[in-house]
């Protein structure tokens, strides 16, 4: 499965930054849906948002072939998240 990777950097309420990628099927072009996936991730992680994800925080980066774990996430939720640790 080919996926699109959306590089996302988000400022938390405490001023620190969190970096993660939103991974979606390559055919998904609905940016609002992609932002909604990022907002769902922030909510699931209990990160209190100053604002919601928009084009200012989230940009298309590249396409790649998904691993089996990413495919399983996409099949169950519609998306997958890759967290960048130590950012």
N, C-alpha and C. Protein backbone atom coordinates (compact mmCIF):
# COMPACT_ATOMS: atom_id res chain seq x y z
N UNK A 1 0.86 -1.18 0.00
CA UNK A 1 0.00 0.00 0.00
C UNK A 1 0.89 1.23 0.00
N UNK A 2 0.62 2.15 -0.92
CA UNK A 2 1.33 3.42 -0.95
C UNK A 2 0.61 4.41 -0.04
N UNK A 3 1.39 5.13 0.77
CA UNK A 3 0.81 6.10 1.71
C UNK A 3 1.43 7.47 1.51
N UNK A 4 0.66 8.49 1.91
CA UNK A 4 1.16 9.86 1.96
C UNK A 4 1.53 10.17 3.40
N UNK A 5 2.63 10.87 3.56
CA UNK A 5 3.14 11.24 4.88
C UNK A 5 2.99 12.75 5.04
N UNK A 6 2.27 13.15 6.09
CA UNK A 6 2.07 14.56 6.40
C UNK A 6 2.85 14.89 7.67
N UNK A 7 3.92 15.66 7.50
CA UNK A 7 4.80 16.06 8.58
C UNK A 7 4.07 17.12 9.42
N UNK A 8 3.99 16.88 10.74
CA UNK A 8 3.20 17.75 11.61
C UNK A 8 4.02 18.16 12.83
N UNK A 9 4.06 19.45 13.09
CA UNK A 9 4.71 19.99 14.29
C UNK A 9 3.66 20.84 14.99
N UNK A 10 3.41 20.51 16.26
CA UNK A 10 2.31 21.15 16.98
C UNK A 10 2.79 21.71 18.30
N UNK A 11 2.41 22.94 18.60
CA UNK A 11 2.78 23.59 19.86
C UNK A 11 1.72 23.27 20.92
N UNK A 12 2.18 22.66 22.01
CA UNK A 12 1.28 22.33 23.11
C UNK A 12 1.04 23.55 23.98
N UNK A 13 0.05 23.45 24.86
CA UNK A 13 -0.30 24.56 25.75
C UNK A 13 0.88 25.04 26.58
N UNK A 14 1.77 24.12 26.95
CA UNK A 14 2.90 24.51 27.80
C UNK A 14 4.05 25.11 26.99
N UNK A 15 3.86 25.26 25.68
CA UNK A 15 4.87 25.87 24.83
C UNK A 15 5.83 24.89 24.18
N UNK A 16 5.84 23.64 24.63
CA UNK A 16 6.71 22.65 24.02
C UNK A 16 6.10 22.18 22.70
N UNK A 17 6.94 21.61 21.88
CA UNK A 17 6.50 21.15 20.56
C UNK A 17 6.45 19.63 20.53
N UNK A 18 5.52 19.11 19.76
CA UNK A 18 5.43 17.69 19.49
C UNK A 18 5.47 17.52 17.98
N UNK A 19 6.24 16.54 17.51
CA UNK A 19 6.37 16.28 16.08
C UNK A 19 5.88 14.87 15.80
N UNK A 20 5.01 14.76 14.80
CA UNK A 20 4.52 13.44 14.39
C UNK A 20 4.12 13.50 12.93
N UNK A 21 4.04 12.32 12.33
CA UNK A 21 3.60 12.20 10.95
C UNK A 21 2.21 11.57 10.93
N UNK A 22 1.35 12.13 10.09
CA UNK A 22 0.04 11.54 9.85
C UNK A 22 0.17 10.74 8.56
N UNK A 23 -0.09 9.45 8.63
CA UNK A 23 0.08 8.55 7.49
C UNK A 23 -1.30 8.12 7.00
N UNK A 24 -1.56 8.37 5.72
CA UNK A 24 -2.86 8.07 5.14
C UNK A 24 -2.68 7.41 3.78
N UNK A 25 -3.72 6.71 3.28
CA UNK A 25 -3.62 6.14 1.94
C UNK A 25 -3.31 7.25 0.93
N UNK A 26 -2.50 6.93 -0.07
CA UNK A 26 -2.05 7.95 -1.02
C UNK A 26 -3.20 8.60 -1.78
N UNK A 27 -4.32 7.93 -1.92
CA UNK A 27 -5.46 8.49 -2.63
C UNK A 27 -6.27 9.49 -1.82
N UNK A 28 -6.01 9.60 -0.53
CA UNK A 28 -6.77 10.52 0.32
C UNK A 28 -6.21 11.93 0.13
N UNK A 29 -7.04 12.82 -0.38
CA UNK A 29 -6.61 14.19 -0.65
C UNK A 29 -7.37 15.22 0.18
N UNK A 30 -8.30 14.79 1.02
CA UNK A 30 -9.14 15.68 1.82
C UNK A 30 -8.33 16.18 3.01
N UNK A 31 -7.77 17.40 2.88
CA UNK A 31 -6.91 17.93 3.93
C UNK A 31 -7.62 18.07 5.26
N UNK A 32 -8.88 18.46 5.26
CA UNK A 32 -9.60 18.61 6.53
C UNK A 32 -9.69 17.26 7.26
N UNK A 33 -9.90 16.19 6.50
CA UNK A 33 -9.96 14.86 7.11
C UNK A 33 -8.59 14.49 7.69
N UNK A 34 -7.53 14.83 6.99
CA UNK A 34 -6.17 14.55 7.49
C UNK A 34 -5.92 15.34 8.76
N UNK A 35 -6.30 16.63 8.78
CA UNK A 35 -6.15 17.43 10.00
C UNK A 35 -6.99 16.84 11.13
N UNK A 36 -8.19 16.36 10.82
CA UNK A 36 -9.04 15.74 11.84
C UNK A 36 -8.37 14.51 12.43
N UNK A 37 -7.68 13.73 11.59
CA UNK A 37 -6.93 12.58 12.11
C UNK A 37 -5.86 13.04 13.10
N UNK A 38 -5.16 14.11 12.77
CA UNK A 38 -4.15 14.64 13.69
C UNK A 38 -4.76 15.13 14.99
N UNK A 39 -5.90 15.80 14.88
CA UNK A 39 -6.58 16.26 16.09
C UNK A 39 -7.07 15.08 16.93
N UNK A 40 -7.51 14.01 16.30
CA UNK A 40 -7.91 12.80 17.03
C UNK A 40 -6.73 12.22 17.79
N UNK A 41 -5.57 12.20 17.15
CA UNK A 41 -4.36 11.71 17.81
C UNK A 41 -4.05 12.56 19.05
N UNK A 42 -4.10 13.89 18.88
CA UNK A 42 -3.82 14.78 20.02
C UNK A 42 -4.80 14.54 21.16
N UNK A 43 -6.05 14.33 20.82
CA UNK A 43 -7.07 14.05 21.83
C UNK A 43 -6.79 12.71 22.51
N UNK A 44 -6.48 11.68 21.72
CA UNK A 44 -6.18 10.36 22.28
C UNK A 44 -4.97 10.39 23.21
N UNK A 45 -3.99 11.23 22.88
CA UNK A 45 -2.77 11.35 23.68
C UNK A 45 -2.96 12.29 24.87
N UNK A 46 -4.16 12.85 24.99
CA UNK A 46 -4.49 13.78 26.08
C UNK A 46 -3.59 15.02 26.07
N UNK A 47 -3.28 15.48 24.85
CA UNK A 47 -2.52 16.71 24.67
C UNK A 47 -3.53 17.84 24.54
N UNK A 48 -3.46 18.79 25.43
CA UNK A 48 -4.40 19.90 25.41
C UNK A 48 -3.95 20.88 24.35
N UNK A 49 -4.80 21.12 23.37
CA UNK A 49 -4.41 21.94 22.22
C UNK A 49 -4.69 23.42 22.44
N UNK A 50 -3.72 24.23 22.09
CA UNK A 50 -3.91 25.68 22.05
C UNK A 50 -4.85 25.98 20.89
N UNK A 51 -4.63 25.31 19.79
CA UNK A 51 -5.46 25.45 18.60
C UNK A 51 -5.51 24.11 17.89
N UNK A 52 -6.29 24.03 16.86
CA UNK A 52 -6.40 22.79 16.13
C UNK A 52 -5.39 22.76 14.99
N UNK A 53 -5.06 21.57 14.54
CA UNK A 53 -4.13 21.40 13.44
C UNK A 53 -4.73 21.99 12.17
N UNK A 54 -3.87 22.70 11.45
CA UNK A 54 -4.26 23.30 10.17
C UNK A 54 -3.05 23.23 9.24
N UNK A 55 -3.14 23.90 8.12
CA UNK A 55 -2.03 23.92 7.16
C UNK A 55 -0.77 24.53 7.76
N UNK A 56 -0.91 25.34 8.82
CA UNK A 56 0.26 25.94 9.46
C UNK A 56 1.12 24.91 10.18
N UNK A 57 0.52 23.83 10.64
CA UNK A 57 1.25 22.80 11.41
C UNK A 57 1.50 21.52 10.62
N UNK A 58 0.80 21.32 9.52
CA UNK A 58 0.80 20.02 8.85
C UNK A 58 1.01 20.21 7.35
N UNK A 59 2.07 19.59 6.81
CA UNK A 59 2.39 19.70 5.38
C UNK A 59 2.65 18.33 4.79
N UNK A 60 2.21 18.16 3.54
CA UNK A 60 2.57 16.94 2.81
C UNK A 60 4.09 16.88 2.72
N UNK A 61 4.64 15.70 2.99
CA UNK A 61 6.09 15.54 2.97
C UNK A 61 6.53 14.65 1.81
N UNK A 62 6.03 13.41 1.77
CA UNK A 62 6.43 12.47 0.73
C UNK A 62 5.48 11.28 0.73
N UNK A 63 5.73 10.36 -0.20
CA UNK A 63 4.97 9.11 -0.27
C UNK A 63 5.95 7.96 -0.04
N UNK A 64 5.43 6.89 0.53
CA UNK A 64 6.25 5.70 0.75
C UNK A 64 5.36 4.47 0.79
N UNK A 65 5.98 3.32 0.89
CA UNK A 65 5.25 2.06 1.00
C UNK A 65 5.06 1.75 2.48
N UNK A 66 3.83 1.42 2.86
CA UNK A 66 3.48 1.18 4.25
C UNK A 66 3.99 -0.17 4.74
N UNK A 67 4.33 -0.22 6.01
CA UNK A 67 4.65 -1.48 6.68
C UNK A 67 3.34 -2.18 7.02
N UNK A 68 3.42 -3.42 7.45
CA UNK A 68 2.22 -4.16 7.83
C UNK A 68 1.51 -3.50 9.01
N UNK A 69 2.27 -3.00 9.98
CA UNK A 69 1.66 -2.34 11.14
C UNK A 69 0.88 -1.09 10.72
N UNK A 70 1.44 -0.31 9.80
CA UNK A 70 0.76 0.89 9.31
C UNK A 70 -0.49 0.52 8.54
N UNK A 71 -0.40 -0.51 7.71
CA UNK A 71 -1.57 -0.98 6.97
C UNK A 71 -2.68 -1.40 7.93
N UNK A 72 -2.32 -2.11 9.00
CA UNK A 72 -3.32 -2.52 10.00
C UNK A 72 -3.98 -1.32 10.65
N UNK A 73 -3.20 -0.29 11.01
CA UNK A 73 -3.77 0.95 11.57
C UNK A 73 -4.73 1.59 10.59
N UNK A 74 -4.30 1.73 9.34
CA UNK A 74 -5.12 2.38 8.32
C UNK A 74 -6.40 1.59 8.10
N UNK A 75 -6.30 0.28 8.08
CA UNK A 75 -7.50 -0.55 7.89
C UNK A 75 -8.48 -0.43 9.05
N UNK A 76 -7.96 -0.18 10.27
CA UNK A 76 -8.87 -0.10 11.42
C UNK A 76 -9.34 1.33 11.71
N UNK A 77 -8.47 2.35 11.49
CA UNK A 77 -8.82 3.72 11.86
C UNK A 77 -8.90 4.68 10.68
N UNK A 78 -8.34 4.29 9.55
CA UNK A 78 -8.28 5.18 8.39
C UNK A 78 -6.96 5.91 8.28
N UNK A 79 -6.13 5.85 9.32
CA UNK A 79 -4.85 6.55 9.35
C UNK A 79 -3.92 5.87 10.33
N UNK A 80 -2.66 6.30 10.33
CA UNK A 80 -1.69 5.85 11.31
C UNK A 80 -0.86 7.07 11.71
N UNK A 81 -0.24 7.01 12.86
CA UNK A 81 0.60 8.10 13.36
C UNK A 81 1.99 7.55 13.64
N UNK A 82 2.99 8.30 13.22
CA UNK A 82 4.38 8.00 13.59
C UNK A 82 4.86 9.16 14.45
N UNK A 83 5.18 8.87 15.72
CA UNK A 83 5.65 9.89 16.65
C UNK A 83 7.18 9.99 16.55
N UNK A 84 7.67 11.23 16.51
CA UNK A 84 9.11 11.49 16.53
C UNK A 84 9.50 11.73 17.97
N UNK A 85 10.27 10.83 18.53
CA UNK A 85 10.68 10.96 19.93
C UNK A 85 11.92 11.83 20.01
N UNK A 86 12.03 12.57 21.08
CA UNK A 86 13.20 13.40 21.32
C UNK A 86 13.21 14.69 20.53
N UNK A 87 12.09 15.09 20.02
CA UNK A 87 12.03 16.34 19.26
C UNK A 87 11.91 17.50 20.21
